[in-house]
């Protein structure tokens, strides 16, 4: 390594300021440096131990690291938020015990929903209309023959009840 790089790295570590620490022992730092003629604040975290488990970074610190907060969270603020979270989780547990309903947590593949209850039921629909035009019935000799009643009702032209119906002229309402 060149002497300039070493002195620059040492200068960066000397000019850093520890802003705070969290309950997991992670430490948070900041420094101001010049980038393209503009002074910018750099923020970072140094994890406790060699794990560097990023899931241990609390939401308040994540917001500070990303620049969504101007000031770092104070120990008092973090303690208050932790107490609030505990009160909320206890309240939620009590509600679950009272109602007997626990939220369902699923892992892995999901089952497909039962859509039979959402299929609309039409009481006026006749059996022939429900069968559809592709249904086939079996004759006594085992050959496949199309149902004659469905065949006579089939039409390639659109049908309508209005006297002013003209195929191909429909436009969506505005």
N, C-alpha and C. Protein backbone atom coordinates (compact mmCIF):
# COMPACT_ATOMS: atom_id res chain seq x y z
N UNK A 1 0.84 -1.18 0.00
CA UNK A 1 0.00 0.00 0.00
C UNK A 1 0.88 1.24 0.00
N UNK A 2 0.37 2.24 -0.66
CA UNK A 2 1.12 3.49 -0.69
C UNK A 2 0.92 4.26 0.61
N UNK A 3 1.86 5.15 0.87
CA UNK A 3 1.79 5.95 2.10
C UNK A 3 0.57 6.87 2.11
N UNK A 4 0.20 7.36 0.93
CA UNK A 4 -0.98 8.24 0.85
C UNK A 4 -2.25 7.50 1.24
N UNK A 5 -2.38 6.27 0.74
CA UNK A 5 -3.57 5.48 1.04
C UNK A 5 -3.64 5.16 2.52
N UNK A 6 -2.50 4.78 3.10
CA UNK A 6 -2.46 4.45 4.53
C UNK A 6 -2.80 5.67 5.36
N UNK A 7 -2.23 6.83 5.01
CA UNK A 7 -2.53 8.04 5.80
C UNK A 7 -3.98 8.46 5.62
N UNK A 8 -4.50 8.25 4.43
CA UNK A 8 -5.92 8.60 4.20
C UNK A 8 -6.83 7.70 5.02
N UNK A 9 -6.54 6.38 5.02
CA UNK A 9 -7.35 5.45 5.81
C UNK A 9 -7.26 5.78 7.30
N UNK A 10 -6.06 6.08 7.78
CA UNK A 10 -5.92 6.43 9.20
C UNK A 10 -6.65 7.73 9.50
N UNK A 11 -6.61 8.67 8.58
CA UNK A 11 -7.32 9.93 8.76
C UNK A 11 -8.83 9.73 8.82
N UNK A 12 -9.32 8.80 8.03
CA UNK A 12 -10.77 8.53 8.04
C UNK A 12 -11.18 7.95 9.38
N UNK A 13 -10.34 7.04 9.93
CA UNK A 13 -10.72 6.44 11.20
C UNK A 13 -10.56 7.41 12.36
N UNK A 14 -9.63 8.33 12.25
CA UNK A 14 -9.46 9.32 13.31
C UNK A 14 -10.59 10.33 13.31
N UNK A 15 -11.10 10.64 12.12
CA UNK A 15 -12.12 11.68 12.04
C UNK A 15 -13.53 11.15 12.27
N UNK A 16 -13.66 9.87 12.48
CA UNK A 16 -15.00 9.33 12.70
C UNK A 16 -15.48 9.64 14.11
N UNK A 17 -16.79 9.76 14.24
CA UNK A 17 -17.39 10.06 15.52
C UNK A 17 -18.43 8.99 15.83
N UNK A 18 -18.31 8.38 17.01
CA UNK A 18 -19.31 7.39 17.40
C UNK A 18 -20.56 8.14 17.86
N UNK A 19 -21.67 7.80 17.21
CA UNK A 19 -22.93 8.47 17.48
C UNK A 19 -23.72 7.73 18.55
N UNK A 20 -23.59 6.40 18.58
CA UNK A 20 -24.36 5.64 19.55
C UNK A 20 -24.10 4.15 19.41
N UNK A 21 -24.80 3.40 20.26
CA UNK A 21 -24.72 1.94 20.25
C UNK A 21 -26.11 1.41 20.56
N UNK A 22 -26.38 0.19 20.12
CA UNK A 22 -27.69 -0.40 20.40
C UNK A 22 -27.57 -1.51 21.44
N UNK A 23 -28.67 -2.13 21.76
CA UNK A 23 -28.70 -3.15 22.81
C UNK A 23 -27.95 -4.41 22.41
N UNK A 24 -27.66 -4.59 21.12
CA UNK A 24 -26.93 -5.77 20.66
C UNK A 24 -25.42 -5.56 20.66
N UNK A 25 -24.98 -4.33 20.96
CA UNK A 25 -23.56 -4.02 20.99
C UNK A 25 -23.03 -3.47 19.68
N UNK A 26 -23.90 -3.28 18.70
CA UNK A 26 -23.48 -2.67 17.44
C UNK A 26 -23.20 -1.19 17.69
N UNK A 27 -22.16 -0.65 17.05
CA UNK A 27 -21.80 0.75 17.23
C UNK A 27 -22.01 1.50 15.92
N UNK A 28 -22.47 2.74 16.02
CA UNK A 28 -22.84 3.55 14.86
C UNK A 28 -21.94 4.77 14.79
N UNK A 29 -21.43 5.04 13.58
CA UNK A 29 -20.45 6.11 13.39
C UNK A 29 -20.88 7.04 12.27
N UNK A 30 -20.26 8.23 12.29
CA UNK A 30 -20.46 9.22 11.24
C UNK A 30 -19.16 9.98 11.04
N UNK A 31 -19.00 10.53 9.85
CA UNK A 31 -17.91 11.44 9.56
C UNK A 31 -18.33 12.31 8.38
N UNK A 32 -17.73 13.47 8.29
CA UNK A 32 -18.00 14.38 7.18
C UNK A 32 -16.78 14.35 6.28
N UNK A 33 -17.01 14.14 4.99
CA UNK A 33 -15.91 14.12 4.04
C UNK A 33 -16.30 14.86 2.77
N UNK A 34 -15.29 15.27 2.05
CA UNK A 34 -15.52 16.02 0.82
C UNK A 34 -15.59 15.04 -0.35
N UNK A 35 -16.69 15.11 -1.10
CA UNK A 35 -16.87 14.29 -2.29
C UNK A 35 -17.23 15.22 -3.44
N UNK A 36 -16.35 15.28 -4.43
CA UNK A 36 -16.55 16.15 -5.60
C UNK A 36 -16.80 17.60 -5.19
N UNK A 37 -16.08 18.08 -4.22
CA UNK A 37 -16.19 19.47 -3.79
C UNK A 37 -17.35 19.75 -2.87
N UNK A 38 -18.12 18.71 -2.51
CA UNK A 38 -19.27 18.90 -1.63
C UNK A 38 -19.03 18.10 -0.35
N UNK A 39 -19.32 18.72 0.77
CA UNK A 39 -19.17 18.04 2.05
C UNK A 39 -20.38 17.14 2.29
N UNK A 40 -20.13 15.86 2.50
CA UNK A 40 -21.20 14.90 2.73
C UNK A 40 -20.95 14.15 4.03
N UNK A 41 -22.05 13.80 4.69
CA UNK A 41 -21.95 13.01 5.91
C UNK A 41 -22.09 11.53 5.55
N UNK A 42 -21.16 10.73 6.00
CA UNK A 42 -21.19 9.28 5.81
C UNK A 42 -21.57 8.63 7.12
N UNK A 43 -22.44 7.64 7.05
CA UNK A 43 -22.90 6.95 8.25
C UNK A 43 -22.71 5.45 8.06
N UNK A 44 -22.33 4.74 9.11
CA UNK A 44 -22.16 3.30 9.00
C UNK A 44 -22.26 2.64 10.37
N UNK A 45 -22.36 1.32 10.34
CA UNK A 45 -22.46 0.54 11.56
C UNK A 45 -21.30 -0.43 11.60
N UNK A 46 -20.77 -0.65 12.78
CA UNK A 46 -19.78 -1.70 13.02
C UNK A 46 -20.44 -2.70 13.94
N UNK A 47 -20.57 -3.93 13.45
CA UNK A 47 -21.27 -4.96 14.19
C UNK A 47 -20.39 -5.52 15.30
N UNK A 48 -21.03 -5.94 16.37
CA UNK A 48 -20.31 -6.56 17.47
C UNK A 48 -20.01 -8.00 17.06
N UNK A 49 -18.79 -8.42 17.23
CA UNK A 49 -18.40 -9.78 16.88
C UNK A 49 -18.20 -9.93 15.38
N UNK A 50 -17.92 -11.14 14.98
CA UNK A 50 -17.63 -11.39 13.57
C UNK A 50 -18.86 -11.81 12.77
N UNK A 51 -20.02 -11.95 13.43
CA UNK A 51 -21.23 -12.42 12.75
C UNK A 51 -21.72 -11.43 11.70
N UNK A 52 -21.69 -10.15 12.01
CA UNK A 52 -22.27 -9.09 11.18
C UNK A 52 -23.71 -9.43 10.82
N UNK A 53 -24.48 -9.81 11.83
CA UNK A 53 -25.88 -10.15 11.64
C UNK A 53 -26.69 -8.87 11.43
N UNK A 54 -27.09 -8.62 10.20
CA UNK A 54 -27.78 -7.38 9.88
C UNK A 54 -29.19 -7.32 10.44
N UNK A 55 -29.72 -8.46 10.88
CA UNK A 55 -31.06 -8.45 11.46
C UNK A 55 -31.07 -7.86 12.86
N UNK A 56 -29.90 -7.62 13.43
CA UNK A 56 -29.85 -7.03 14.76
C UNK A 56 -29.93 -5.52 14.73
N UNK A 57 -29.95 -4.91 13.55
CA UNK A 57 -30.04 -3.45 13.46
C UNK A 57 -31.50 -3.05 13.62
N UNK A 58 -31.77 -2.21 14.61
CA UNK A 58 -33.13 -1.78 14.89
C UNK A 58 -33.62 -0.79 13.84
N UNK A 59 -34.93 -0.68 13.70
CA UNK A 59 -35.55 0.16 12.67
C UNK A 59 -35.10 1.61 12.79
N UNK A 60 -35.01 2.11 14.02
CA UNK A 60 -34.63 3.51 14.22
C UNK A 60 -33.21 3.77 13.68
N UNK A 61 -32.32 2.80 13.91
CA UNK A 61 -30.96 2.94 13.41
C UNK A 61 -30.91 2.79 11.89
N UNK A 62 -31.72 1.92 11.34
CA UNK A 62 -31.78 1.78 9.88
C UNK A 62 -32.21 3.10 9.24
N UNK A 63 -33.21 3.74 9.83
CA UNK A 63 -33.67 5.03 9.31
C UNK A 63 -32.56 6.07 9.38
N UNK A 64 -31.79 6.07 10.45
CA UNK A 64 -30.69 7.02 10.58
C UNK A 64 -29.60 6.71 9.55
N UNK A 65 -29.25 5.44 9.38
CA UNK A 65 -28.22 5.06 8.42
C UNK A 65 -28.60 5.46 6.99
N UNK A 66 -29.88 5.34 6.66
CA UNK A 66 -30.36 5.66 5.31
C UNK A 66 -30.63 7.14 5.10
N UNK A 67 -30.47 7.93 6.14
CA UNK A 67 -30.69 9.37 6.01
C UNK A 67 -32.13 9.78 6.14
N UNK A 68 -33.00 8.88 6.59
CA UNK A 68 -34.41 9.22 6.78
C UNK A 68 -34.61 10.00 8.08
N UNK A 69 -33.65 9.93 8.97
CA UNK A 69 -33.64 10.72 10.20
C UNK A 69 -32.40 11.59 10.19
N UNK A 70 -32.53 12.80 10.64
CA UNK A 70 -31.36 13.68 10.71
C UNK A 70 -30.51 13.37 11.94
N UNK A 71 -31.18 13.11 13.07
CA UNK A 71 -30.46 12.86 14.32
C UNK A 71 -30.55 11.38 14.67
N UNK A 72 -29.48 10.88 15.25
CA UNK A 72 -29.44 9.48 15.68
C UNK A 72 -30.39 9.28 16.85
N UNK A 73 -30.97 8.10 16.97
CA UNK A 73 -31.87 7.85 18.11
C UNK A 73 -31.09 7.85 19.43
N UNK A 74 -31.72 8.44 20.43
CA UNK A 74 -31.09 8.52 21.75
C UNK A 74 -31.39 7.24 22.54
N UNK A 75 -30.58 6.94 23.54
CA UNK A 75 -30.85 5.76 24.37
C UNK A 75 -32.23 5.83 25.04
N UNK A 76 -32.66 7.04 25.43
CA UNK A 76 -33.97 7.19 26.05
C UNK A 76 -35.08 6.85 25.05
N UNK A 77 -34.93 7.35 23.83
CA UNK A 77 -35.92 7.07 22.79
C UNK A 77 -36.00 5.58 22.50
N UNK A 78 -34.85 4.92 22.40
CA UNK A 78 -34.82 3.49 22.11
C UNK A 78 -35.47 2.69 23.24
N UNK A 79 -35.23 3.10 24.51
CA UNK A 79 -35.84 2.42 25.65
C UNK A 79 -37.35 2.59 25.64
N UNK A 80 -37.81 3.81 25.32
CA UNK A 80 -39.26 4.07 25.26
C UNK A 80 -39.92 3.24 24.15
N UNK A 81 -39.29 3.19 22.99
CA UNK A 81 -39.86 2.42 21.88
C UNK A 81 -39.87 0.92 22.19
N UNK A 82 -38.84 0.43 22.85
CA UNK A 82 -38.80 -0.99 23.23
C UNK A 82 -39.92 -1.31 24.22
N UNK A 83 -40.15 -0.42 25.18
CA UNK A 83 -41.23 -0.62 26.15
C UNK A 83 -42.59 -0.60 25.44
N UNK A 84 -42.75 0.31 24.47
CA UNK A 84 -44.00 0.39 23.72
C UNK A 84 -44.23 -0.90 22.93
N UNK A 85 -43.18 -1.42 22.31
CA UNK A 85 -43.31 -2.67 21.55
C UNK A 85 -43.70 -3.83 22.46
N UNK A 86 -43.11 -3.87 23.65
CA UNK A 86 -43.45 -4.94 24.59
C UNK A 86 -44.91 -4.83 25.04
N UNK A 87 -45.36 -3.61 25.34
CA UNK A 87 -46.76 -3.42 25.74
C UNK A 87 -47.69 -3.87 24.62
N UNK A 88 -47.35 -3.54 23.39
CA UNK A 88 -48.19 -3.93 22.24
C UNK A 88 -48.23 -5.44 22.09
N UNK A 89 -47.08 -6.10 22.22
CA UNK A 89 -47.09 -7.56 22.05
C UNK A 89 -47.85 -8.24 23.18
N UNK A 90 -47.75 -7.71 24.42
CA UNK A 90 -48.51 -8.28 25.53
C UNK A 90 -50.01 -8.08 25.32
N UNK A 91 -50.39 -6.90 24.85
CA UNK A 91 -51.80 -6.61 24.58
C UNK A 91 -52.33 -7.55 23.50
N UNK A 92 -51.53 -7.78 22.47
CA UNK A 92 -51.94 -8.67 21.39
C UNK A 92 -52.09 -10.10 21.89
N UNK A 93 -51.16 -10.56 22.74
CA UNK A 93 -51.26 -11.90 23.31
C UNK A 93 -52.52 -12.05 24.16
N UNK A 94 -52.85 -11.01 24.95
CA UNK A 94 -54.06 -11.06 25.77
C UNK A 94 -55.31 -11.14 24.91
N UNK A 95 -55.33 -10.39 23.81
CA UNK A 95 -56.48 -10.45 22.90
C UNK A 95 -56.61 -11.83 22.28
N UNK A 96 -55.48 -12.44 21.93
CA UNK A 96 -55.51 -13.78 21.36
C UNK A 96 -56.04 -14.79 22.37
N UNK A 97 -55.64 -14.65 23.63
CA UNK A 97 -56.13 -15.55 24.66
C UNK A 97 -57.62 -15.35 24.89
N UNK A 98 -58.05 -14.08 24.89
CA UNK A 98 -59.45 -13.75 25.13
C UNK A 98 -60.34 -14.27 24.01
N UNK A 99 -59.96 -14.04 22.76
CA UNK A 99 -60.79 -14.45 21.63
C UNK A 99 -60.52 -15.87 21.19
N UNK A 100 -59.36 -16.39 21.55
CA UNK A 100 -59.01 -17.74 21.13
C UNK A 100 -58.57 -17.82 19.68
N UNK A 101 -58.36 -16.68 19.06
CA UNK A 101 -57.96 -16.65 17.66
C UNK A 101 -56.51 -16.22 17.58
N UNK A 102 -55.71 -17.05 16.93
CA UNK A 102 -54.31 -16.71 16.72
C UNK A 102 -54.10 -16.48 15.23
N UNK A 103 -53.24 -15.55 14.89
CA UNK A 103 -52.97 -15.34 13.46
C UNK A 103 -52.31 -16.57 12.87
N UNK A 104 -52.70 -16.91 11.66
CA UNK A 104 -52.17 -18.09 11.00
C UNK A 104 -50.88 -17.71 10.31
N UNK A 105 -49.84 -18.45 10.62
CA UNK A 105 -48.56 -18.25 9.95
C UNK A 105 -48.30 -19.51 9.13
N UNK A 106 -48.14 -19.32 7.83
CA UNK A 106 -47.89 -20.46 6.96
C UNK A 106 -46.48 -20.36 6.42
N UNK A 107 -45.87 -21.50 6.29
CA UNK A 107 -44.52 -21.58 5.75
C UNK A 107 -44.56 -22.56 4.60
N UNK A 108 -43.94 -22.20 3.51
CA UNK A 108 -43.90 -23.10 2.37
C UNK A 108 -45.03 -22.81 1.40
N UNK A 109 -45.48 -23.88 0.75
CA UNK A 109 -46.49 -23.73 -0.29
C UNK A 109 -47.86 -23.45 0.34
N UNK A 110 -48.64 -22.66 -0.38
CA UNK A 110 -49.98 -22.33 0.07
C UNK A 110 -50.97 -23.25 -0.61
N UNK A 111 -52.04 -23.55 0.08
CA UNK A 111 -53.12 -24.31 -0.54
C UNK A 111 -53.94 -23.38 -1.41
N UNK A 112 -54.52 -23.93 -2.46
CA UNK A 112 -55.36 -23.10 -3.31
C UNK A 112 -56.70 -22.86 -2.61
N UNK A 113 -57.28 -21.69 -2.81
CA UNK A 113 -58.53 -21.37 -2.12
C UNK A 113 -59.70 -22.18 -2.68
N UNK A 114 -60.70 -22.40 -1.85
CA UNK A 114 -61.90 -23.09 -2.26
C UNK A 114 -62.83 -22.05 -2.88
N UNK A 115 -62.98 -22.10 -4.19
CA UNK A 115 -63.76 -21.09 -4.90
C UNK A 115 -65.20 -21.52 -5.15
N UNK A 116 -65.59 -22.70 -4.67
CA UNK A 116 -66.95 -23.17 -4.94
C UNK A 116 -68.00 -22.23 -4.35
N UNK A 117 -67.69 -21.62 -3.22
CA UNK A 117 -68.67 -20.74 -2.60
C UNK A 117 -68.80 -19.41 -3.34
N UNK A 118 -67.82 -19.08 -4.17
CA UNK A 118 -67.88 -17.80 -4.88
C UNK A 118 -68.48 -17.93 -6.27
N UNK A 119 -68.79 -19.15 -6.71
CA UNK A 119 -69.40 -19.33 -8.02
C UNK A 119 -70.86 -18.89 -7.92
N UNK A 120 -71.26 -17.96 -8.79
CA UNK A 120 -72.65 -17.48 -8.71
C UNK A 120 -73.63 -18.59 -9.09
N UNK A 121 -74.71 -18.61 -8.39
CA UNK A 121 -75.76 -19.60 -8.64
C UNK A 121 -76.90 -18.92 -9.38
N UNK A 122 -77.29 -19.48 -10.52
CA UNK A 122 -78.37 -18.93 -11.33
C UNK A 122 -79.54 -19.90 -11.30
N UNK A 123 -80.60 -19.60 -10.58
CA UNK A 123 -81.73 -20.54 -10.45
C UNK A 123 -82.49 -20.74 -11.76
N UNK A 124 -82.47 -19.77 -12.68
CA UNK A 124 -83.23 -19.91 -13.92
C UNK A 124 -82.48 -20.68 -14.99
N UNK A 125 -81.24 -21.06 -14.75
CA UNK A 125 -80.45 -21.75 -15.76
C UNK A 125 -80.95 -23.17 -15.91
N UNK A 126 -81.25 -23.55 -17.15
CA UNK A 126 -81.72 -24.90 -17.40
C UNK A 126 -80.54 -25.85 -17.49
N UNK A 127 -80.81 -27.14 -17.45
CA UNK A 127 -79.79 -28.16 -17.49
C UNK A 127 -79.01 -28.10 -18.79
N UNK A 128 -79.70 -27.87 -19.92
CA UNK A 128 -79.02 -27.82 -21.22
C UNK A 128 -78.05 -26.66 -21.30
N UNK A 129 -78.40 -25.51 -20.73
CA UNK A 129 -77.52 -24.35 -20.77
C UNK A 129 -76.30 -24.56 -19.87
N UNK A 130 -76.49 -25.24 -18.75
CA UNK A 130 -75.37 -25.50 -17.86
C UNK A 130 -74.40 -26.50 -18.43
N UNK A 131 -74.87 -27.43 -19.26
CA UNK A 131 -74.00 -28.46 -19.82
C UNK A 131 -72.98 -27.85 -20.75
N UNK A 132 -73.35 -26.83 -21.50
CA UNK A 132 -72.42 -26.20 -22.42
C UNK A 132 -72.42 -26.89 -23.76
N UNK A 133 -71.84 -26.26 -24.76
CA UNK A 133 -71.90 -26.81 -26.10
C UNK A 133 -70.84 -27.86 -26.37
N UNK A 134 -69.87 -28.06 -25.50
CA UNK A 134 -68.84 -29.06 -25.73
C UNK A 134 -69.12 -30.38 -25.02
N UNK A 135 -70.18 -30.45 -24.22
CA UNK A 135 -70.48 -31.68 -23.49
C UNK A 135 -70.92 -32.76 -24.47
N UNK A 136 -70.53 -33.99 -24.17
CA UNK A 136 -70.84 -35.12 -25.03
C UNK A 136 -71.56 -36.16 -24.18
N UNK A 137 -72.59 -36.77 -24.73
CA UNK A 137 -73.28 -37.85 -24.02
C UNK A 137 -72.98 -39.16 -24.72
N UNK A 138 -73.04 -40.25 -24.00
CA UNK A 138 -72.76 -41.57 -24.55
C UNK A 138 -74.07 -42.25 -24.94
N UNK A 139 -74.04 -42.85 -26.13
CA UNK A 139 -75.21 -43.63 -26.56
C UNK A 139 -75.09 -45.03 -26.00
N UNK A 140 -76.14 -45.84 -26.23
CA UNK A 140 -76.16 -47.18 -25.67
C UNK A 140 -75.06 -48.06 -26.26
N UNK A 141 -74.68 -47.82 -27.52
CA UNK A 141 -73.66 -48.66 -28.14
C UNK A 141 -72.23 -48.24 -27.78
N UNK A 142 -72.05 -47.16 -26.99
CA UNK A 142 -70.73 -46.74 -26.53
C UNK A 142 -70.10 -45.67 -27.38
N UNK A 143 -70.71 -45.29 -28.49
CA UNK A 143 -70.17 -44.24 -29.34
C UNK A 143 -70.49 -42.88 -28.75
N UNK A 144 -69.58 -41.92 -29.01
CA UNK A 144 -69.81 -40.56 -28.53
C UNK A 144 -70.68 -39.82 -29.53
N UNK A 145 -71.77 -39.23 -29.06
CA UNK A 145 -72.63 -38.42 -29.91
C UNK A 145 -72.95 -37.14 -29.17
N UNK A 146 -73.02 -36.04 -29.90
CA UNK A 146 -73.36 -34.78 -29.26
C UNK A 146 -74.84 -34.75 -28.95
N UNK A 147 -75.20 -34.09 -27.87
CA UNK A 147 -76.58 -33.96 -27.46
C UNK A 147 -77.31 -33.10 -28.49
N UNK A 148 -78.42 -33.58 -29.01
CA UNK A 148 -79.16 -32.91 -30.08
C UNK A 148 -79.74 -31.58 -29.59
N UNK A 149 -80.17 -31.50 -28.32
CA UNK A 149 -80.78 -30.27 -27.85
C UNK A 149 -79.76 -29.14 -27.78
N UNK A 150 -78.54 -29.46 -27.43
CA UNK A 150 -77.50 -28.44 -27.35
C UNK A 150 -77.13 -28.00 -28.76
N UNK A 151 -77.08 -28.95 -29.71
CA UNK A 151 -76.68 -28.66 -31.08
C UNK A 151 -77.65 -27.71 -31.76
N UNK A 152 -78.95 -27.85 -31.54
CA UNK A 152 -79.93 -26.99 -32.19
C UNK A 152 -79.94 -25.59 -31.59
N UNK A 153 -79.56 -25.46 -30.31
CA UNK A 153 -79.56 -24.15 -29.65
C UNK A 153 -78.31 -23.34 -30.00
N UNK A 154 -77.28 -23.99 -30.53
CA UNK A 154 -76.02 -23.32 -30.81
C UNK A 154 -76.16 -22.33 -31.95
N UNK A 155 -75.51 -21.18 -31.81
CA UNK A 155 -75.52 -20.18 -32.87
C UNK A 155 -74.19 -19.45 -32.84
N UNK A 156 -73.65 -19.11 -34.02
CA UNK A 156 -72.39 -18.39 -34.07
C UNK A 156 -72.60 -16.88 -33.98
N UNK A 157 -73.82 -16.43 -34.14
CA UNK A 157 -74.14 -15.00 -34.08
C UNK A 157 -74.43 -14.60 -32.64
N UNK A 158 -74.03 -13.41 -32.27
CA UNK A 158 -74.36 -12.95 -30.92
C UNK A 158 -75.85 -12.70 -30.79
N UNK A 159 -76.33 -12.87 -29.58
CA UNK A 159 -77.76 -12.65 -29.33
C UNK A 159 -77.90 -11.53 -28.33
N UNK A 160 -79.03 -10.85 -28.39
CA UNK A 160 -79.29 -9.78 -27.45
C UNK A 160 -80.78 -9.57 -27.32
N UNK A 161 -81.18 -8.89 -26.28
CA UNK A 161 -82.61 -8.64 -26.06
C UNK A 161 -83.01 -7.25 -26.52
N UNK A 162 -82.04 -6.38 -26.74
CA UNK A 162 -82.35 -5.01 -27.13
C UNK A 162 -82.61 -4.91 -28.63
N UNK A 163 -83.54 -4.04 -29.02
CA UNK A 163 -83.88 -3.88 -30.43
C UNK A 163 -82.79 -3.12 -31.18
N UNK A 164 -81.93 -2.40 -30.47
CA UNK A 164 -80.91 -1.60 -31.14
C UNK A 164 -79.54 -2.27 -31.13
N UNK A 165 -79.46 -3.57 -30.81
CA UNK A 165 -78.19 -4.26 -30.73
C UNK A 165 -77.54 -4.35 -32.11
N UNK A 166 -76.27 -3.88 -32.20
CA UNK A 166 -75.50 -3.98 -33.44
C UNK A 166 -74.13 -4.57 -33.08
N UNK A 167 -73.80 -5.75 -33.63
CA UNK A 167 -72.52 -6.38 -33.31
C UNK A 167 -71.35 -5.47 -33.68
N UNK A 168 -70.36 -5.41 -32.80
CA UNK A 168 -69.13 -4.67 -33.06
C UNK A 168 -69.20 -3.18 -32.77
N UNK A 169 -70.32 -2.66 -32.28
CA UNK A 169 -70.44 -1.23 -32.04
C UNK A 169 -70.37 -0.84 -30.57
N UNK A 170 -70.26 -1.82 -29.69
CA UNK A 170 -70.25 -1.53 -28.27
C UNK A 170 -68.97 -0.80 -27.86
N UNK A 171 -69.10 0.22 -27.05
CA UNK A 171 -67.98 0.96 -26.50
C UNK A 171 -68.16 1.02 -24.99
N UNK A 172 -67.07 0.95 -24.24
CA UNK A 172 -67.20 1.02 -22.78
C UNK A 172 -67.75 2.38 -22.36
N UNK A 173 -68.50 2.40 -21.25
CA UNK A 173 -69.06 3.67 -20.78
C UNK A 173 -67.95 4.63 -20.37
N UNK A 174 -68.20 5.91 -20.58
CA UNK A 174 -67.20 6.92 -20.23
C UNK A 174 -67.59 7.67 -19.00
